[in-house]
C-alpha atoms as a PDB file:
ATOM      1  CA  MET A   1     -50.710  68.749   7.058  1.00  0.00           C
ATOM      2  CA  LEU A   2     -54.117  68.110   4.992  1.00  0.00           C
ATOM      3  CA  SER A   3     -55.907  70.698   4.283  1.00  0.00           C
ATOM      4  CA  GLU A   4     -59.428  70.894   6.372  1.00  0.00           C
ATOM      5  CA  SER A   5     -61.131  72.706   3.355  1.00  0.00           C
ATOM      6  CA  SER A   6     -61.147  69.460   1.152  1.00  0.00           C
ATOM      7  CA  ILE A   7     -63.299  67.329   3.064  1.00  0.00           C
ATOM      8  CA  GLU A   8     -65.988  70.316   2.349  1.00  0.00           C
ATOM      9  CA  ARG A   9     -65.261  71.196  -0.651  1.00  0.00           C
ATOM     10  CA  ASP A  10     -65.393  67.695  -2.159  1.00  0.00           C
ATOM     11  CA  THR A  11     -68.601  67.246  -0.281  1.00  0.00           C
ATOM     12  CA  LYS A  12     -70.712  70.381  -1.400  1.00  0.00           C
ATOM     13  CA  ALA A  13     -69.258  69.145  -5.599  1.00  0.00           C
ATOM     14  CA  LEU A  14     -70.797  65.664  -4.236  1.00  0.00           C
ATOM     15  CA  ALA A  15     -74.072  67.391  -2.779  1.00  0.00           C
ATOM     16  CA  LEU A  16     -75.857  67.523  -5.840  1.00  0.00           C
ATOM     17  CA  PRO A  17     -79.773  68.757  -6.510  1.00  0.00           C
ATOM     18  CA  GLN A  18     -80.168  66.200  -9.319  1.00  0.00           C
ATOM     19  CA  GLY A  19     -78.125  63.137  -6.978  1.00  0.00           C
ATOM     20  CA  ARG A  20     -75.731  61.013  -8.020  1.00  0.00           C
ATOM     21  CA  ARG A  21     -78.381  58.152  -9.733  1.00  0.00           C
ATOM     22  CA  VAL A  22     -77.243  55.232 -12.066  1.00  0.00           C
ATOM     23  CA  GLY A  23     -78.775  56.071 -15.327  1.00  0.00           C
ATOM     24  CA  GLN A  24     -79.028  60.326 -14.413  1.00  0.00           C
ATOM     25  CA  PRO A  25     -77.190  63.852 -15.836  1.00  0.00           C
ATOM     26  CA  GLY A  26     -75.803  63.794 -11.558  1.00  0.00           C
ATOM     27  CA  HIS A  27     -74.520  60.629 -11.512  1.00  0.00           C
ATOM     28  CA  GLU A  28     -72.273  61.514 -15.020  1.00  0.00           C
ATOM     29  CA  THR A  29     -71.242  64.977 -13.092  1.00  0.00           C
ATOM     30  CA  ALA A  30     -70.089  63.406  -9.950  1.00  0.00           C
ATOM     31  CA  LEU A  31     -67.850  60.374 -11.896  1.00  0.00           C
ATOM     32  CA  ARG A  32     -66.478  62.969 -13.965  1.00  0.00           C
ATOM     33  CA  TYR A  33     -65.996  65.535 -10.630  1.00  0.00           C
ATOM     34  CA  LEU A  34     -63.414  62.029  -8.882  1.00  0.00           C
ATOM     35  CA  ARG A  35     -61.938  61.127 -11.932  1.00  0.00           C
ATOM     36  CA  HIS A  36     -60.306  64.623 -12.244  1.00  0.00           C
ATOM     37  CA  ARG A  37     -59.909  64.803  -8.551  1.00  0.00           C
ATOM     38  CA  MET A  38     -57.521  61.385  -8.549  1.00  0.00           C
ATOM     39  CA  GLN A  39     -55.964  63.324 -11.338  1.00  0.00           C
ATOM     40  CA  ASP A  40     -54.974  66.067  -9.658  1.00  0.00           C
ATOM     41  CA  LEU A  41     -54.322  63.876  -6.173  1.00  0.00           C
ATOM     42  CA  GLY A  42     -51.899  62.147  -8.597  1.00  0.00           C
ATOM     43  CA  LEU A  43     -53.100  59.010  -8.402  1.00  0.00           C
ATOM     44  CA  SER A  44     -51.530  56.013 -10.470  1.00  0.00           C
ATOM     45  CA  PRO A  45     -54.282  53.683 -11.868  1.00  0.00           C
ATOM     46  CA  PHE A  46     -55.281  50.638  -9.882  1.00  0.00           C
ATOM     47  CA  ARG A  47     -55.677  48.386 -13.052  1.00  0.00           C
ATOM     48  CA  GLY A  48     -54.651  48.920 -16.682  1.00  0.00           C
ATOM     49  CA  SER A  49     -53.869  52.139 -17.993  1.00  0.00           C
ATOM     50  CA  SER A  50     -57.229  54.754 -16.501  1.00  0.00           C
ATOM     51  CA  PHE A  51     -58.624  54.836 -12.808  1.00  0.00           C
ATOM     52  CA  ASP A  52     -62.465  53.738 -15.136  1.00  0.00           C
ATOM     53  CA  LEU A  53     -63.115  50.102 -14.208  1.00  0.00           C
ATOM     54  CA  GLU A  54     -66.548  49.734 -15.879  1.00  0.00           C
ATOM     55  CA  PHE A  55     -68.796  46.571 -15.749  1.00  0.00           C
ATOM     56  CA  GLY A  56     -72.349  45.963 -16.315  1.00  0.00           C
ATOM     57  CA  THR A  57     -74.685  44.793 -19.162  1.00  0.00           C
ATOM     58  CA  PRO A  58     -75.651  45.675 -22.977  1.00  0.00           C
ATOM     59  CA  GLU A  59     -78.382  47.926 -20.907  1.00  0.00           C
ATOM     60  CA  ALA A  60     -76.597  49.264 -18.428  1.00  0.00           C
ATOM     61  CA  ARG A  61     -73.356  50.381 -17.648  1.00  0.00           C
ATOM     62  CA  PHE A  62     -71.071  51.075 -14.581  1.00  0.00           C
ATOM     63  CA  THR A  63     -68.223  52.639 -13.224  1.00  0.00           C
ATOM     64  CA  ASN A  64     -65.899  52.337 -10.588  1.00  0.00           C
ATOM     65  CA  LEU A  65     -63.100  54.481  -9.693  1.00  0.00           C
ATOM     66  CA  ALA A  66     -60.191  53.189  -8.142  1.00  0.00           C
ATOM     67  CA  GLY A  67     -56.444  54.530  -7.440  1.00  0.00           C
ATOM     68  CA  ILE A  68     -53.148  53.169  -5.720  1.00  0.00           C
ATOM     69  CA  ILE A  69     -50.498  55.027  -3.983  1.00  0.00           C
ATOM     70  CA  PRO A  70     -47.488  53.476  -4.307  1.00  0.00           C
ATOM     71  CA  GLY A  71     -45.293  52.168  -1.285  1.00  0.00           C
ATOM     72  CA  ARG A  72     -42.425  52.409   0.234  1.00  0.00           C
ATOM     73  CA  GLN A  73     -42.105  48.078   0.060  1.00  0.00           C
ATOM     74  CA  ARG A  74     -44.867  47.195  -2.800  1.00  0.00           C
ATOM     75  CA  SER A  75     -44.218  43.451  -2.684  1.00  0.00           C
ATOM     76  CA  LEU A  76     -46.049  43.740   1.035  1.00  0.00           C
ATOM     77  CA  PRO A  77     -50.223  43.330   1.250  1.00  0.00           C
ATOM     78  CA  PRO A  78     -52.168  46.602  -0.085  1.00  0.00           C
ATOM     79  CA  LEU A  79     -54.089  48.135   2.161  1.00  0.00           C
ATOM     80  CA  LEU A  80     -57.742  49.253   0.635  1.00  0.00           C
ATOM     81  CA  VAL A  81     -59.721  52.422   2.056  1.00  0.00           C
ATOM     82  CA  GLY A  82     -63.453  52.561  -0.361  1.00  0.00           C
ATOM     83  CA  ALA A  83     -66.699  54.051   0.075  1.00  0.00           C
ATOM     84  CA  HIS A  84     -69.747  54.234  -2.663  1.00  0.00           C
ATOM     85  CA  TYR A  85     -70.723  57.504  -4.927  1.00  0.00           C
ATOM     86  CA  ASP A  86     -74.223  57.090  -6.502  1.00  0.00           C
ATOM     87  CA  SER A  87     -77.403  57.929  -4.607  1.00  0.00           C
ATOM     88  CA  VAL A  88     -80.420  56.195  -3.919  1.00  0.00           C
ATOM     89  CA  ILE A  89     -82.450  58.949  -5.722  1.00  0.00           C
ATOM     90  CA  ASP A  90     -82.328  62.233  -7.223  1.00  0.00           C
ATOM     91  CA  ALA A  91     -81.172  64.640  -4.246  1.00  0.00           C
ATOM     92  CA  PRO A  92     -78.216  65.356  -2.234  1.00  0.00           C
ATOM     93  CA  CYS A  93     -77.274  62.936  -0.508  1.00  0.00           C
ATOM     94  CA  VAL A  94     -74.903  64.152   1.527  1.00  0.00           C
ATOM     95  CA  ASP A  95     -74.715  61.630   4.162  1.00  0.00           C
ATOM     96  CA  ASP A  96     -75.213  58.842   2.031  1.00  0.00           C
ATOM     97  CA  ASN A  97     -72.469  58.867   0.757  1.00  0.00           C
ATOM     98  CA  ALA A  98     -70.908  62.435  -0.035  1.00  0.00           C
ATOM     99  CA  THR A  99     -69.442  62.541   3.765  1.00  0.00           C
ATOM    100  CA  ALA A 100     -67.781  59.010   2.981  1.00  0.00           C
ATOM    101  CA  VAL A 101     -66.494  60.232  -1.063  1.00  0.00           C
ATOM    102  CA  ALA A 102     -64.595  62.630  -0.023  1.00  0.00           C
ATOM    103  CA  VAL A 103     -62.899  61.084   3.702  1.00  0.00           C
ATOM    104  CA  VAL A 104     -61.492  59.008   1.277  1.00  0.00           C
ATOM    105  CA  LEU A 105     -60.528  61.546  -1.302  1.00  0.00           C
ATOM    106  CA  ALA A 106     -58.624  63.098   2.035  1.00  0.00           C
ATOM    107  CA  ILE A 107     -56.919  59.651   2.693  1.00  0.00           C
ATOM    108  CA  ALA A 108     -55.925  60.284  -0.596  1.00  0.00           C
ATOM    109  CA  GLU A 109     -54.034  63.591   0.102  1.00  0.00           C
ATOM    110  CA  ARG A 110     -52.831  62.935   3.124  1.00  0.00           C
ATOM    111  CA  PHE A 111     -50.830  59.472   2.229  1.00  0.00           C
ATOM    112  CA  GLN A 112     -49.944  60.880  -0.846  1.00  0.00           C
ATOM    113  CA  LYS A 113     -47.768  62.967   0.579  1.00  0.00           C
ATOM    114  CA  ALA A 114     -46.716  60.905   3.009  1.00  0.00           C
ATOM    115  CA  PRO A 115     -46.540  57.128   1.447  1.00  0.00           C
ATOM    116  CA  LEU A 116     -47.128  53.656   3.872  1.00  0.00           C
ATOM    117  CA  GLU A 117     -44.605  50.708   3.188  1.00  0.00           C
ATOM    118  CA  ARG A 118     -47.617  49.346   1.775  1.00  0.00           C
ATOM    119  CA  ASP A 119     -49.835  50.423  -1.719  1.00  0.00           C
ATOM    120  CA  ILE A 120     -53.073  51.830  -0.685  1.00  0.00           C
ATOM    121  CA  VAL A 121     -55.917  51.300  -3.025  1.00  0.00           C
ATOM    122  CA  ILE A 122     -58.168  54.093  -3.487  1.00  0.00           C
ATOM    123  CA  ALA A 123     -61.576  52.381  -4.713  1.00  0.00           C
ATOM    124  CA  LEU A 124     -64.500  54.320  -4.961  1.00  0.00           C
ATOM    125  CA  PHE A 125     -67.223  51.987  -6.039  1.00  0.00           C
ATOM    126  CA  ASP A 126     -70.827  52.565  -8.269  1.00  0.00           C
ATOM    127  CA  SER A 127     -74.444  50.847  -7.989  1.00  0.00           C
ATOM    128  CA  GLU A 128     -74.435  50.418  -4.156  1.00  0.00           C
ATOM    129  CA  GLU A 129     -77.805  51.728  -3.703  1.00  0.00           C
ATOM    130  CA  PRO A 130     -81.102  49.459  -4.467  1.00  0.00           C
ATOM    131  CA  PRO A 131     -81.910  47.892  -7.041  1.00  0.00           C
ATOM    132  CA  TYR A 132     -77.893  47.113  -7.082  1.00  0.00           C
ATOM    133  CA  PHE A 133     -77.431  46.775  -3.734  1.00  0.00           C
ATOM    134  CA  HIS A 134     -75.873  42.687  -2.777  1.00  0.00           C
ATOM    135  CA  SER A 135     -76.939  42.004  -6.752  1.00  0.00           C
ATOM    136  CA  ASN A 136     -74.444  41.289  -9.520  1.00  0.00           C
ATOM    137  CA  LEU A 137     -74.616  44.448 -10.343  1.00  0.00           C
ATOM    138  CA  MET A 138     -73.082  45.680  -7.364  1.00  0.00           C
ATOM    139  CA  GLY A 139     -70.037  47.664  -8.008  1.00  0.00           C
ATOM    140  CA  SER A 140     -67.764  46.333  -4.867  1.00  0.00           C
ATOM    141  CA  THR A 141     -68.880  42.826  -5.616  1.00  0.00           C
ATOM    142  CA  ARG A 142     -68.181  43.271  -8.890  1.00  0.00           C
ATOM    143  CA  PHE A 143     -64.983  45.172  -7.913  1.00  0.00           C
ATOM    144  CA  TYR A 144     -63.800  42.420  -5.817  1.00  0.00           C
ATOM    145  CA  GLU A 145     -64.755  39.241  -8.040  1.00  0.00           C
ATOM    146  CA  ASP A 146     -63.180  41.402 -11.233  1.00  0.00           C
ATOM    147  CA  HIS A 147     -60.128  42.685  -9.815  1.00  0.00           C
ATOM    148  CA  CYS A 148     -59.267  41.394  -6.692  1.00  0.00           C
ATOM    149  CA  ARG A 149     -59.708  37.836  -6.078  1.00  0.00           C
ATOM    150  CA  ASP A 150     -56.123  36.953  -6.329  1.00  0.00           C
ATOM    151  CA  VAL A 151     -55.315  39.866  -3.829  1.00  0.00           C
ATOM    152  CA  ARG A 152     -54.721  39.425   0.019  1.00  0.00           C
ATOM    153  CA  PHE A 153     -54.943  42.308   1.527  1.00  0.00           C
ATOM    154  CA  ALA A 154     -53.005  44.157   5.146  1.00  0.00           C
ATOM    155  CA  LEU A 155     -56.593  45.702   6.154  1.00  0.00           C
ATOM    156  CA  CYS A 156     -60.165  46.450   4.047  1.00  0.00           C
ATOM    157  CA  VAL A 157     -61.695  49.894   5.519  1.00  0.00           C
ATOM    158  CA  ILE A 158     -64.647  51.136   4.394  1.00  0.00           C
ATOM    159  CA  MET A 159     -67.179  54.074   5.352  1.00  0.00           C
ATOM    160  CA  ASP A 160     -70.978  54.667   4.313  1.00  0.00           C
ATOM    161  CA  LEU A 161     -73.533  57.105   6.445  1.00  0.00           C
ATOM    162  CA  ILE A 162     -70.522  59.513   9.357  1.00  0.00           C
ATOM    163  CA  GLY A 163     -71.371  62.072   8.592  1.00  0.00           C
ATOM    164  CA  HIS A 164     -74.638  62.795  11.241  1.00  0.00           C
ATOM    165  CA  ASP A 165     -74.627  63.100  14.918  1.00  0.00           C
ATOM    166  CA  ILE A 166     -76.577  59.481  16.460  1.00  0.00           C
ATOM    167  CA  GLU A 167     -80.011  60.521  17.904  1.00  0.00           C
ATOM    168  CA  LEU A 168     -81.146  59.111  21.043  1.00  0.00           C
ATOM    169  CA  PRO A 169     -84.699  59.771  22.180  1.00  0.00           C
ATOM    170  CA  ALA A 170     -85.423  61.950  25.111  1.00  0.00           C
ATOM    171  CA  ARG A 171     -84.955  58.991  27.707  1.00  0.00           C
ATOM    172  CA  LEU A 172     -81.837  58.120  26.573  1.00  0.00           C
ATOM    173  CA  GLU A 173     -80.091  61.554  26.359  1.00  0.00           C
ATOM    174  CA  ALA A 174     -78.612  62.110  30.420  1.00  0.00           C
ATOM    175  CA  VAL A 175     -77.483  58.454  29.939  1.00  0.00           C
ATOM    176  CA  ILE A 176     -75.608  59.266  26.942  1.00  0.00           C
ATOM    177  CA  PRO A 177     -74.816  63.013  26.537  1.00  0.00           C
ATOM    178  CA  PHE A 178     -72.133  62.058  24.333  1.00  0.00           C
ATOM    179  CA  ALA A 179     -74.343  60.858  20.932  1.00  0.00           C
ATOM    180  CA  ASP A 180     -72.549  63.106  18.868  1.00  0.00           C
ATOM    181  CA  GLU A 181     -69.322  61.656  18.812  1.00  0.00           C
ATOM    182  CA  LEU A 182     -69.721  58.296  18.790  1.00  0.00           C
ATOM    183  CA  LEU A 183     -69.312  56.050  16.089  1.00  0.00           C
ATOM    184  CA  ALA A 184     -69.758  52.307  14.729  1.00  0.00           C
ATOM    185  CA  ILE A 185     -67.399  49.870  13.960  1.00  0.00           C
ATOM    186  CA  THR A 186     -67.797  47.296  12.723  1.00  0.00           C
ATOM    187  CA  GLY A 187     -65.395  43.998  11.530  1.00  0.00           C
ATOM    188  CA  CYS A 188     -63.002  43.584  13.933  1.00  0.00           C
ATOM    189  CA  GLU A 189     -64.200  39.960  14.209  1.00  0.00           C
ATOM    190  CA  SER A 190     -63.007  39.461  10.696  1.00  0.00           C
ATOM    191  CA  HIS A 191     -59.162  38.100  11.675  1.00  0.00           C
ATOM    192  CA  PRO A 192     -57.878  38.024  15.603  1.00  0.00           C
ATOM    193  CA  GLY A 193     -54.874  40.955  14.933  1.00  0.00           C
ATOM    194  CA  LEU A 194     -57.640  43.764  14.171  1.00  0.00           C
ATOM    195  CA  PRO A 195     -58.261  44.212  17.915  1.00  0.00           C
ATOM    196  CA  ALA A 196     -55.250  45.683  18.429  1.00  0.00           C
ATOM    197  CA  ILE A 197     -55.072  47.613  15.442  1.00  0.00           C
ATOM    198  CA  PHE A 198     -57.806  49.317  16.823  1.00  0.00           C
ATOM    199  CA  GLN A 199     -56.988  49.988  19.740  1.00  0.00           C
ATOM    200  CA  ALA A 200     -53.911  51.518  18.585  1.00  0.00           C
ATOM    201  CA  ALA A 201     -56.144  53.376  16.323  1.00  0.00           C
ATOM    202  CA  VAL A 202     -58.353  54.776  18.375  1.00  0.00           C
ATOM    203  CA  ALA A 203     -55.307  55.458  21.842  1.00  0.00           C
ATOM    204  CA  ARG A 204     -54.818  58.482  19.214  1.00  0.00           C
ATOM    205  CA  PRO A 205     -56.947  61.672  20.354  1.00  0.00           C
ATOM    206  CA  ASN A 206     -59.442  62.827  17.576  1.00  0.00           C
ATOM    207  CA  GLY A 207     -62.541  63.792  19.334  1.00  0.00           C
ATOM    208  CA  LEU A 208     -65.123  60.261  18.493  1.00  0.00           C
ATOM    209  CA  ARG A 209     -66.034  57.709  20.917  1.00  0.00           C
ATOM    210  CA  VAL A 210     -65.501  53.757  18.477  1.00  0.00           C
ATOM    211  CA  VAL A 211     -68.110  51.611  19.445  1.00  0.00           C
ATOM    212  CA  PRO A 212     -66.466  48.037  17.872  1.00  0.00           C
ATOM    213  CA  LEU A 213     -70.305  46.159  16.865  1.00  0.00           C
ATOM    214  CA  PRO A 214     -70.127  42.480  15.109  1.00  0.00           C
ATOM    215  CA  ASN A 215     -71.550  43.237  11.755  1.00  0.00           C
ATOM    216  CA  ARG A 216     -74.172  40.032  12.578  1.00  0.00           C
ATOM    217  CA  ILE A 217     -75.791  42.952  14.864  1.00  0.00           C
ATOM    218  CA  ILE A 218     -76.789  45.288  11.612  1.00  0.00           C
ATOM    219  CA  GLY A 219     -75.633  42.972   8.732  1.00  0.00           C
ATOM    220  CA  ASP A 220     -73.640  43.757   5.315  1.00  0.00           C
ATOM    221  CA  MET A 221     -75.440  47.201   4.964  1.00  0.00           C
ATOM    222  CA  SER A 222     -72.541  48.727   2.645  1.00  0.00           C
ATOM    223  CA  ASP A 223     -69.978  47.891   0.191  1.00  0.00           C
ATOM    224  CA  HIS A 224     -67.767  45.637   2.832  1.00  0.00           C
ATOM    225  CA  HIS A 225     -70.373  42.818   2.171  1.00  0.00           C
ATOM    226  CA  ALA A 226     -67.530  41.843  -0.922  1.00  0.00           C
ATOM    227  CA  PHE A 227     -64.960  41.684   1.017  1.00  0.00           C
ATOM    228  CA  ARG A 228     -66.338  39.839   4.312  1.00  0.00           C
ATOM    229  CA  LEU A 229     -67.160  37.491   1.910  1.00  0.00           C
ATOM    230  CA  GLY A 230     -64.015  36.975   0.821  1.00  0.00           C
ATOM    231  CA  GLY A 231     -62.223  36.701   4.076  1.00  0.00           C
ATOM    232  CA  GLN A 232     -60.289  39.616   4.114  1.00  0.00           C
ATOM    233  CA  PRO A 233     -59.644  41.779   6.885  1.00  0.00           C
ATOM    234  CA  TYR A 234     -62.115  44.043   6.986  1.00  0.00           C
ATOM    235  CA  LEU A 235     -63.317  47.147   8.915  1.00  0.00           C
ATOM    236  CA  PHE A 236     -67.181  49.387   8.374  1.00  0.00           C
ATOM    237  CA  LEU A 237     -67.398  52.742   9.411  1.00  0.00           C
ATOM    238  CA  SER A 238     -71.444  54.437   9.958  1.00  0.00           C
ATOM    239  CA  CYS A 239     -73.391  56.102  12.470  1.00  0.00           C
ATOM    240  CA  GLY A 240     -76.167  53.853  11.201  1.00  0.00           C
ATOM    241  CA  GLU A 241     -79.152  55.382   9.149  1.00  0.00           C
ATOM    242  CA  GLY A 242     -79.843  57.993  11.068  1.00  0.00           C
ATOM    243  CA  ARG A 243     -83.563  60.444  10.164  1.00  0.00           C
ATOM    244  CA  TYR A 244     -83.052  61.615   7.098  1.00  0.00           C
ATOM    245  CA  TYR A 245     -81.615  57.952   5.742  1.00  0.00           C
ATOM    246  CA  HIS A 246     -83.242  57.469   2.190  1.00  0.00           C
ATOM    247  CA  THR A 247     -84.915  61.324   2.070  1.00  0.00           C
ATOM    248  CA  PRO A 248     -84.381  64.614   0.242  1.00  0.00           C
ATOM    249  CA  HIS A 249     -83.427  65.935   3.579  1.00  0.00           C
ATOM    250  CA  ASP A 250     -80.043  64.051   3.198  1.00  0.00           C
ATOM    251  CA  ASP A 251     -78.483  67.942   2.642  1.00  0.00           C
ATOM    252  CA  LEU A 252     -75.508  69.924   3.902  1.00  0.00           C
ATOM    253  CA  ASP A 253     -77.611  70.593   6.536  1.00  0.00           C
ATOM    254  CA  TRP A 254     -77.710  67.986   8.544  1.00  0.00           C
ATOM    255  CA  ILE A 255     -73.924  66.722   7.885  1.00  0.00           C
ATOM    256  CA  ASN A 256     -70.892  67.924  11.165  1.00  0.00           C
ATOM    257  CA  PHE A 257     -67.790  68.392   9.378  1.00  0.00           C
ATOM    258  CA  ASP A 258     -66.075  68.220  12.210  1.00  0.00           C
ATOM    259  CA  LYS A 259     -67.545  64.883  13.150  1.00  0.00           C
ATOM    260  CA  VAL A 260     -66.013  63.529   9.140  1.00  0.00           C
ATOM    261  CA  LYS A 261     -63.090  65.415   9.709  1.00  0.00           C
ATOM    262  CA  ARG A 262     -61.915  63.512  12.715  1.00  0.00           C
ATOM    263  CA  VAL A 263     -63.187  60.571  10.980  1.00  0.00           C
ATOM    264  CA  GLU A 264     -60.510  60.869   8.212  1.00  0.00           C
ATOM    265  CA  LYS A 265     -58.239  60.989  11.133  1.00  0.00           C
ATOM    266  CA  LEU A 266     -59.422  57.880  12.392  1.00  0.00           C
ATOM    267  CA  VAL A 267     -59.117  55.746   8.970  1.00  0.00           C
ATOM    268  CA  ALA A 268     -55.429  57.141   8.732  1.00  0.00           C
ATOM    269  CA  ALA A 269     -54.302  56.091  12.359  1.00  0.00           C
ATOM    270  CA  LEU A 270     -56.583  52.716  11.128  1.00  0.00           C
ATOM    271  CA  LEU A 271     -53.863  52.694   8.265  1.00  0.00           C
ATOM    272  CA  SER A 272     -51.480  53.545   9.313  1.00  0.00           C
ATOM    273  CA  GLU A 273     -51.429  50.944  12.266  1.00  0.00           C
ATOM    274  CA  ALA A 274     -52.474  48.196  10.047  1.00  0.00           C
ATOM    275  CA  ASP A 275     -49.270  48.868   7.981  1.00  0.00           C
ATOM    276  CA  ARG A 276     -47.183  48.630  11.091  1.00  0.00           C
ATOM    277  CA  GLN A 277     -48.347  45.805  12.603  1.00  0.00           C
ATOM    278  CA  SER A 278     -48.482  43.631   9.334  1.00  0.00           C
ATOM    279  CA  LEU A 279     -51.675  41.719   9.804  1.00  0.00           C
ATOM    280  CA  GLN A 280     -50.993  37.483   9.729  1.00  0.00           C
ATOM    281  CA  ALA A 281     -53.116  37.268   5.583  1.00  0.00           C
ATOM    282  CA  ALA A 282     -55.954  34.218   7.034  1.00  0.00           C
ATOM    283  CA  PRO A 283     -55.286  31.079   4.721  1.00  0.00           C
ATOM    284  CA  GLN A 284     -58.941  30.500   4.108  1.00  0.00           C
ATOM    285  CA  ARG A 285     -61.006  32.888   1.717  1.00  0.00           C
ATOM    286  CA  ASN A 286     -64.193  32.582   3.061  1.00  0.00           C
ATOM    287  CA  ALA A 287     -65.224  33.973   5.577  1.00  0.00           C
ATOM    288  CA  ILE A 288     -64.239  33.606   9.163  1.00  0.00           C
ATOM    289  CA  VAL A 289     -66.103  35.077  12.883  1.00  0.00           C
ATOM    290  CA  TYR A 290     -63.537  35.379  15.324  1.00  0.00           C
ATOM    291  CA  ASP A 291     -64.024  35.641  19.113  1.00  0.00           C
ATOM    292  CA  THR A 292     -63.641  38.868  20.516  1.00  0.00           C
ATOM    293  CA  THR A 293     -65.953  39.170  23.203  1.00  0.00           C
ATOM    294  CA  GLY A 294     -63.483  40.007  25.731  1.00  0.00           C
ATOM    295  CA  PHE A 295     -61.670  43.557  23.267  1.00  0.00           C
ATOM    296  CA  GLU A 296     -65.498  44.392  22.833  1.00  0.00           C
ATOM    297  CA  ILE A 297     -66.563  44.639  26.660  1.00  0.00           C
ATOM    298  CA  ALA A 298     -63.526  46.335  27.417  1.00  0.00           C
ATOM    299  CA  GLN A 299     -64.140  48.640  24.454  1.00  0.00           C
ATOM    300  CA  LEU A 300     -66.983  49.515  26.102  1.00  0.00           C
ATOM    301  CA  GLU A 301     -66.189  50.314  28.849  1.00  0.00           C
ATOM    302  CA  ARG A 302     -63.489  52.449  27.833  1.00  0.00           C
ATOM    303  CA  VAL A 303     -66.537  54.188  25.566  1.00  0.00           C
ATOM    304  CA  PHE A 304     -69.360  54.667  28.261  1.00  0.00           C
ATOM    305  CA  GLY A 305     -67.535  54.871  31.408  1.00  0.00           C
ATOM    306  CA  GLY A 306     -69.611  55.914  34.805  1.00  0.00           C
ATOM    307  CA  HIS A 307     -72.758  55.569  32.189  1.00  0.00           C
ATOM    308  CA  LEU A 308     -72.275  52.117  31.182  1.00  0.00           C
ATOM    309  CA  PRO A 309     -74.097  51.051  34.412  1.00  0.00           C
ATOM    310  CA  ILE A 310     -76.115  52.934  33.933  1.00  0.00           C
ATOM    311  CA  LEU A 311     -77.577  52.286  30.641  1.00  0.00           C
ATOM    312  CA  LEU A 312     -77.008  48.421  31.573  1.00  0.00           C
ATOM    313  CA  GLN A 313     -80.384  49.595  34.202  1.00  0.00           C
ATOM    314  CA  HIS A 314     -82.226  51.346  31.515  1.00  0.00           C
ATOM    315  CA  LEU A 315     -82.427  48.949  28.940  1.00  0.00           C
ATOM    316  CA  ARG A 316     -82.982  46.749  31.787  1.00  0.00           C
ATOM    317  CA  LEU A 317     -79.507  44.275  31.400  1.00  0.00           C
ATOM    318  CA  GLY A 318     -78.214  44.655  34.968  1.00  0.00           C
ATOM    319  CA  GLU A 319     -75.121  46.065  35.476  1.00  0.00           C
ATOM    320  CA  THR A 320     -72.280  44.863  33.664  1.00  0.00           C
ATOM    321  CA  LEU A 321     -71.460  43.117  30.337  1.00  0.00           C
ATOM    322  CA  ALA A 322     -69.514  39.785  31.367  1.00  0.00           C
ATOM    323  CA  ASP A 323     -70.304  37.011  28.332  1.00  0.00           C
ATOM    324  CA  ARG A 324     -71.683  36.762  24.262  1.00  0.00           C
ATOM    325  CA  ASP A 325     -75.214  36.994  25.138  1.00  0.00           C
ATOM    326  CA  GLY A 326     -74.668  39.648  27.509  1.00  0.00           C
ATOM    327  CA  LEU A 327     -73.148  41.620  25.100  1.00  0.00           C
ATOM    328  CA  ASP A 328     -75.538  41.108  21.295  1.00  0.00           C
ATOM    329  CA  ALA A 329     -78.666  41.717  23.768  1.00  0.00           C
ATOM    330  CA  PHE A 330     -76.538  44.935  24.333  1.00  0.00           C
ATOM    331  CA  TYR A 331     -76.128  45.992  20.987  1.00  0.00           C
ATOM    332  CA  SER A 332     -79.038  44.951  20.061  1.00  0.00           C
ATOM    333  CA  ARG A 333     -81.738  47.018  22.152  1.00  0.00           C
ATOM    334  CA  LEU A 334     -78.912  49.663  21.975  1.00  0.00           C
ATOM    335  CA  VAL A 335     -79.430  49.413  18.387  1.00  0.00           C
ATOM    336  CA  GLN A 336     -83.062  48.820  17.738  1.00  0.00           C
ATOM    337  CA  ILE A 337     -83.430  52.432  20.034  1.00  0.00           C
ATOM    338  CA  ILE A 338     -81.399  54.443  17.946  1.00  0.00           C
ATOM    339  CA  ARG A 339     -83.634  53.405  15.420  1.00  0.00           C
ATOM    340  CA  SER A 340     -86.702  53.798  16.408  1.00  0.00           C
ATOM    341  CA  GLY A 341     -85.570  57.378  17.677  1.00  0.00           C
END
């Protein structure tokens, strides 16, 4: 049984007052800690003889960390779970992104004890934050381009900003009284088999209400960017930016550790279902968007239940969701309201 304290312990170890910004002492402290944790978990290096996958320029060096949990049938397409470990400022940056890194380590602990049929790649990315975001030096981009172009993954699960409760303006609190249970997942549209995996995973009790948000509504806001462009089946989990995004107040005080543990259970279920259901590898190596309209409407009805018609009326969108245009209008207005507070 997974120790519940491991997520809190790893999160607190990474919540350095000086942060984990690239080039600063805290970054090296975090790197050493993560390297030792991967070693203690008994992971095997993903490439070569070291977890370290270095990259950069003569002026600046960076380090991704990647290990692997061997599956029982190593010829099968592997799974991947990942998150970035650097911070944007010299502050704890707990939800951006220590909580997600802690979940990745917890997943490694869980499946090291009970391996799946497939290999699981455990990836911790460097240099996700500006000024490297979406550049050629973004850690996940270098990881994918340098080490994974010949790999067809069964599923890639990426996380960012998963530990805080979504906050709504007062006028919506009565309409959505369970905002603290909400979590968004993008990427179901990246493979026609993903909706079935999503549905099977969320059907397992985990205390979350999971919204299948199309990625284009929020854009490539994190490390799933490279995997999406590479045409890999992916899911990106997030609670969005939140009030303390990229501020010194992103500290331990606003983290809901019960929610973080629920996210870990959900990720474990997603990986287990992907392992069992065996997605057919897409022949293309570029991003394709599949129509998931019916699946999204059905899932939203499950998530919001009888609150959905009230919410739609509040957003001036009628009483039902019937097509893609209505879905997109719903998502866009809801995201705008959450971001504006």
